[in-house]
Amino acid sequence: MLGAGLDKDKKEISKKIKDRFSSSEIITREELYDYLEKNFFPRLKETTFRWRVYDLKKRNIIVPVKRGVYKLSDHKKVYCPNLNPNIIRINRFLLKKYNDLAYCIWDSSWLNEFSRHQIANDIIFVEVEKDLVRSIFNLLLDRSYKNVFIEPDKFITQTYISENKTSIIIKSLISKSPLQFINNVKIPKLEKMLVDLFSDDKYMIAYKGHEQTIIFESAFEQYQINLSNLINYSRRRKKYKQLKNFLIKNLNLGKELM
């Protein structure tokens, strides 16, 4: 009975939070703390507040925007692409060879879900620790993979890779990239894919220009986007200011969200 009572309390608190902040674009940490303390938990302790925030996020009542800022969840789907056999096979080779590898694998064709024009040529990106780029390259060659490249320059990309139906590019993984596991395959979160597209000037040219704006609009409309992850990763790629201006101009995101 205690558990049922606790669930009832959680639902009541969630409903009240939704009512209170329904017209707010953002909820600051201070606003949420004050509301919980005044209405539910007098003399609210910091540890209790942190647990409450964790629980609200876990139940998808609020989502983080950036440090100390939240918004009500719009209950959109979490991005989860289909993994093609090539990616599953490459993942198996990597994990068989390396037990504790920092890596991710993804396919540029995943962007077709969001784009107006469907690009036939796709690139499988295998991002690994910098010191292992050459080793992974050799591993795939030993497994008879063709059209494998190590961080090719723009000339090679436009001359050779653009002519291949499928190419594999091995590149260094940027530390603290937003990643997720799907069926034991480590892939980028949607936030990383969007920032990588925005930052790219070699490999995903077909998705640039107005197509890039369409991809961002569609991704934001269909799926949950953690702006905190997006912002932090864009900073690691030294593209924060440019991405901020792009989102404000093209997606009408409020400056306070960035």
Protein backbone atom coordinates (compact mmCIF):
# COMPACT_ATOMS: atom_id res chain seq x y z
CA MET A 1 0.00 0.00 0.00
CA LEU A 2 2.92 2.30 0.68
CA GLY A 3 4.09 1.92 -2.91
CA ALA A 4 0.61 2.74 -4.24
CA GLY A 5 0.50 5.85 -2.07
CA LEU A 6 3.92 6.95 -3.31
CA ASP A 7 2.86 6.48 -6.93
CA LYS A 8 -0.25 8.54 -6.25
CA ASP A 9 1.88 11.32 -4.76
CA LYS A 10 4.18 11.25 -7.79
CA LYS A 11 1.24 11.53 -10.18
CA GLU A 12 -0.23 14.40 -8.19
CA ILE A 13 3.08 16.28 -8.13
CA SER A 14 3.57 15.67 -11.86
CA LYS A 15 0.08 16.96 -12.66
CA LYS A 16 0.61 20.09 -10.57
CA ILE A 17 3.99 20.78 -12.19
CA LYS A 18 2.44 20.45 -15.65
CA ASP A 19 -0.35 22.83 -14.69
CA ARG A 20 2.00 25.36 -13.12
CA PHE A 21 4.54 25.46 -15.95
CA SER A 22 2.29 24.72 -18.95
CA SER A 23 2.79 28.22 -20.34
CA SER A 24 6.52 28.39 -19.57
CA GLU A 25 9.04 27.73 -22.32
CA ILE A 26 11.70 26.91 -19.72
CA ILE A 27 11.80 26.02 -16.02
CA THR A 28 14.84 27.12 -14.06
CA ARG A 29 16.24 25.02 -11.26
CA GLU A 30 15.37 27.77 -8.78
CA GLU A 31 11.75 27.97 -9.99
CA LEU A 32 11.28 24.22 -9.67
CA TYR A 33 12.92 24.11 -6.23
CA ASP A 34 10.76 26.97 -4.93
CA TYR A 35 7.57 25.42 -6.31
CA LEU A 36 8.25 22.00 -4.76
CA GLU A 37 9.26 23.50 -1.43
CA LYS A 38 6.25 25.82 -1.13
CA ASN A 39 3.64 23.31 -2.30
CA PHE A 40 4.86 19.86 -1.30
CA PHE A 41 8.05 19.70 0.75
CA PRO A 42 8.58 22.41 3.38
CA ARG A 43 12.29 22.94 4.15
CA LEU A 44 13.16 20.84 1.12
CA LYS A 45 16.66 19.38 1.37
CA GLU A 46 19.06 19.58 -1.55
CA THR A 47 19.49 15.80 -1.70
CA THR A 48 15.71 15.29 -1.79
CA PHE A 49 15.35 17.91 -4.51
CA ARG A 50 18.01 16.22 -6.66
CA TRP A 51 16.18 12.90 -6.28
CA ARG A 52 12.88 14.54 -7.26
CA VAL A 53 14.46 16.05 -10.37
CA TYR A 54 15.97 12.68 -11.26
CA ASP A 55 12.56 11.01 -10.85
CA LEU A 56 10.77 13.66 -12.92
CA LYS A 57 13.31 13.21 -15.73
CA LYS A 58 13.13 9.41 -15.51
CA ARG A 59 9.34 9.52 -15.87
CA ASN A 60 9.67 11.94 -18.80
CA ILE A 61 7.79 14.75 -17.05
CA ILE A 62 10.63 17.22 -17.57
CA VAL A 63 13.64 17.14 -19.87
CA PRO A 64 16.93 19.00 -19.41
CA VAL A 65 17.63 21.93 -21.71
CA LYS A 66 21.01 22.88 -20.27
CA ARG A 67 22.61 22.92 -16.84
CA GLY A 68 20.02 24.06 -14.31
CA VAL A 69 17.29 24.59 -16.94
CA TYR A 70 14.44 22.23 -17.85
CA LYS A 71 11.24 22.21 -19.85
CA LEU A 72 8.09 20.12 -19.80
CA SER A 73 8.43 17.00 -21.91
CA ASP A 74 6.51 16.94 -25.17
CA HIS A 75 6.63 13.10 -25.07
CA LYS A 76 8.26 12.74 -28.44
CA LYS A 77 10.00 9.51 -29.39
CA VAL A 78 13.62 8.70 -28.58
CA TYR A 79 15.65 8.30 -31.77
CA CYS A 80 16.38 4.64 -32.54
CA PRO A 81 17.51 3.88 -36.12
CA ASN A 82 17.49 0.50 -37.83
CA LEU A 83 20.89 -1.17 -37.88
CA ASN A 84 21.87 -2.63 -41.22
CA PRO A 85 23.84 -5.93 -41.45
CA ASN A 86 27.11 -4.14 -42.30
CA ILE A 87 27.04 -2.17 -39.06
CA ILE A 88 26.16 -5.23 -36.99
CA ARG A 89 28.98 -7.20 -38.61
CA ILE A 90 31.57 -4.46 -38.13
CA ASN A 91 30.48 -4.06 -34.52
CA ARG A 92 31.00 -7.78 -33.93
CA PHE A 93 34.53 -7.63 -35.37
CA LEU A 94 35.44 -4.66 -33.19
CA LEU A 95 34.14 -6.16 -29.95
CA LYS A 96 35.78 -9.51 -30.68
CA LYS A 97 39.15 -7.79 -31.11
CA TYR A 98 38.87 -5.14 -28.37
CA ASN A 99 37.13 -5.70 -25.02
CA ASP A 100 36.97 -2.11 -23.81
CA LEU A 101 36.89 0.05 -26.91
CA ALA A 102 35.69 3.66 -27.01
CA TYR A 103 33.88 3.79 -30.33
CA CYS A 104 30.68 4.36 -32.24
CA ILE A 105 29.33 3.32 -35.64
CA TRP A 106 26.72 5.01 -37.78
CA ASP A 107 25.49 5.36 -41.32
CA SER A 108 25.00 8.65 -43.18
CA SER A 109 21.90 7.13 -44.81
CA TRP A 110 20.13 7.50 -41.44
CA LEU A 111 19.81 11.18 -42.33
CA ASN A 112 17.50 10.21 -45.22
CA GLU A 113 14.70 9.82 -42.68
CA PHE A 114 14.79 13.58 -42.17
CA SER A 115 15.77 14.86 -45.60
CA ARG A 116 13.63 15.76 -48.60
CA HIS A 117 16.01 14.22 -51.14
CA GLN A 118 17.09 10.61 -50.62
CA ILE A 119 20.84 10.13 -51.07
CA ALA A 120 21.77 6.75 -52.59
CA ASN A 121 25.46 6.78 -51.68
CA ASP A 122 26.05 6.11 -48.02
CA ILE A 123 29.04 6.32 -45.69
CA ILE A 124 29.52 4.12 -42.66
CA PHE A 125 31.44 6.07 -40.03
CA VAL A 126 33.53 4.05 -37.60
CA GLU A 127 34.77 6.42 -34.91
CA VAL A 128 37.37 5.04 -32.51
CA GLU A 129 40.09 6.11 -30.12
CA LYS A 130 42.73 8.10 -31.99
CA ASP A 131 45.50 5.60 -31.29
CA LEU A 132 43.50 2.76 -32.79
CA VAL A 133 42.42 4.35 -36.08
CA ARG A 134 45.14 2.60 -38.10
CA SER A 135 44.56 -0.75 -36.35
CA ILE A 136 40.83 -0.66 -37.05
CA PHE A 137 41.53 0.28 -40.66
CA ASN A 138 43.78 -2.77 -41.03
CA LEU A 139 41.27 -4.98 -39.25
CA LEU A 140 38.55 -4.14 -41.77
CA LEU A 141 40.90 -4.61 -44.70
CA ASP A 142 41.84 -8.03 -43.32
CA ARG A 143 38.13 -8.84 -43.26
CA SER A 144 38.00 -8.05 -46.99
CA TYR A 145 36.07 -4.80 -46.67
CA LYS A 146 36.46 -2.51 -49.66
CA ASN A 147 36.35 1.28 -49.98
CA VAL A 148 37.76 1.82 -46.49
CA PHE A 149 39.42 5.19 -45.80
CA ILE A 150 41.13 6.93 -42.90
CA GLU A 151 39.77 10.47 -42.53
CA PRO A 152 40.02 11.23 -46.26
CA ASP A 153 40.44 14.82 -47.41
CA LYS A 154 37.92 16.69 -49.54
CA PHE A 155 39.61 15.73 -52.82
CA ILE A 156 39.50 11.98 -52.13
CA THR A 157 35.96 12.28 -50.83
CA GLN A 158 34.69 14.06 -53.94
CA THR A 159 36.78 12.02 -56.39
CA TYR A 160 36.39 8.49 -55.04
CA ILE A 161 33.97 8.19 -52.16
CA SER A 162 31.18 10.05 -53.96
CA GLU A 163 31.29 7.36 -56.67
CA ASN A 164 30.91 4.42 -54.28
CA LYS A 165 27.56 2.98 -53.27
CA THR A 166 28.95 2.33 -49.79
CA SER A 167 32.19 3.56 -48.23
CA ILE A 168 33.64 3.19 -44.75
CA ILE A 169 35.46 6.07 -43.10
CA ILE A 170 37.56 5.47 -40.00
CA LYS A 171 38.01 8.58 -37.88
CA SER A 172 38.90 9.68 -34.37
CA LEU A 173 36.10 9.70 -31.82
CA ILE A 174 35.70 13.03 -30.04
CA SER A 175 35.74 12.52 -26.28
CA LYS A 176 32.45 12.85 -24.38
CA SER A 177 30.42 12.38 -27.55
CA PRO A 178 26.72 11.69 -26.83
CA LEU A 179 26.34 7.95 -27.53
CA GLN A 180 23.83 5.18 -26.90
CA PHE A 181 23.61 1.40 -27.16
CA ILE A 182 21.12 -0.31 -29.46
CA ASN A 183 21.27 -4.11 -29.57
CA ASN A 184 24.82 -4.03 -28.17
CA VAL A 185 25.96 -1.63 -30.90
CA LYS A 186 27.25 1.75 -29.75
CA ILE A 187 25.86 4.44 -32.01
CA PRO A 188 25.64 8.24 -31.76
CA LYS A 189 22.64 9.91 -30.23
CA LEU A 190 20.67 12.09 -32.59
CA GLU A 191 22.26 15.20 -31.03
CA LYS A 192 25.72 14.05 -32.14
CA MET A 193 24.54 13.24 -35.66
CA LEU A 194 23.04 16.72 -36.05
CA VAL A 195 26.14 18.48 -34.75
CA ASP A 196 28.39 16.32 -36.95
CA LEU A 197 26.27 17.19 -39.97
CA PHE A 198 26.40 20.88 -39.11
CA SER A 199 30.18 20.76 -38.58
CA ASP A 200 30.95 18.70 -41.68
CA ASP A 201 32.57 20.23 -44.76
CA LYS A 202 33.74 17.04 -46.51
CA TYR A 203 31.67 13.90 -46.09
CA MET A 204 28.01 14.92 -46.03
CA ILE A 205 27.91 17.70 -48.60
CA ALA A 206 24.77 16.19 -50.17
CA TYR A 207 22.90 16.97 -46.94
CA LYS A 208 24.06 20.57 -46.63
CA GLY A 209 22.47 23.86 -47.66
CA HIS A 210 18.69 24.04 -47.40
CA GLU A 211 18.59 20.26 -46.95
CA GLN A 212 20.41 20.69 -43.63
CA THR A 213 17.70 23.04 -42.37
CA ILE A 214 15.01 20.54 -43.37
CA ILE A 215 16.87 17.76 -41.51
CA PHE A 216 17.11 19.82 -38.32
CA GLU A 217 13.45 20.86 -38.52
CA SER A 218 12.29 17.29 -39.05
CA ALA A 219 14.51 15.87 -36.30
CA PHE A 220 13.32 18.46 -33.76
CA GLU A 221 9.70 17.86 -34.76
CA GLN A 222 9.78 14.05 -34.55
CA TYR A 223 12.17 13.19 -31.73
CA GLN A 224 13.30 14.20 -28.28
CA ILE A 225 16.31 16.53 -28.54
CA ASN A 226 18.43 17.07 -25.46
CA LEU A 227 19.65 20.63 -25.99
CA SER A 228 22.20 20.21 -23.21
CA ASN A 229 23.84 17.33 -25.11
CA LEU A 230 23.59 19.26 -28.36
CA ILE A 231 25.18 22.38 -26.90
CA ASN A 232 27.96 20.59 -25.00
CA TYR A 233 28.97 18.53 -28.01
CA SER A 234 28.88 21.56 -30.33
CA ARG A 235 31.33 23.23 -27.93
CA ARG A 236 33.65 20.23 -28.15
CA ARG A 237 33.50 20.61 -31.94
CA LYS A 238 34.07 24.37 -31.58
CA LYS A 239 30.83 25.11 -33.42
CA TYR A 240 28.63 26.40 -30.58
CA LYS A 241 28.26 30.01 -31.74
CA GLN A 242 27.56 29.05 -35.35
CA LEU A 243 25.06 26.35 -34.34
CA LYS A 244 23.36 28.69 -31.86
CA ASN A 245 22.83 31.32 -34.56
CA PHE A 246 21.61 28.67 -37.01
CA LEU A 247 19.01 27.30 -34.56
CA ILE A 248 17.75 30.75 -33.56
CA LYS A 249 17.48 31.87 -37.18
CA ASN A 250 16.16 28.71 -38.85
CA LEU A 251 14.25 26.87 -36.09
CA ASN A 252 13.14 29.95 -34.13
CA LEU A 253 14.60 28.60 -30.90
CA GLY A 254 14.52 31.16 -28.12
CA LYS A 255 17.89 32.59 -27.09
CA GLU A 256 17.19 31.61 -23.49
CA LEU A 257 17.24 27.94 -24.54
CA MET A 258 20.77 28.26 -25.85
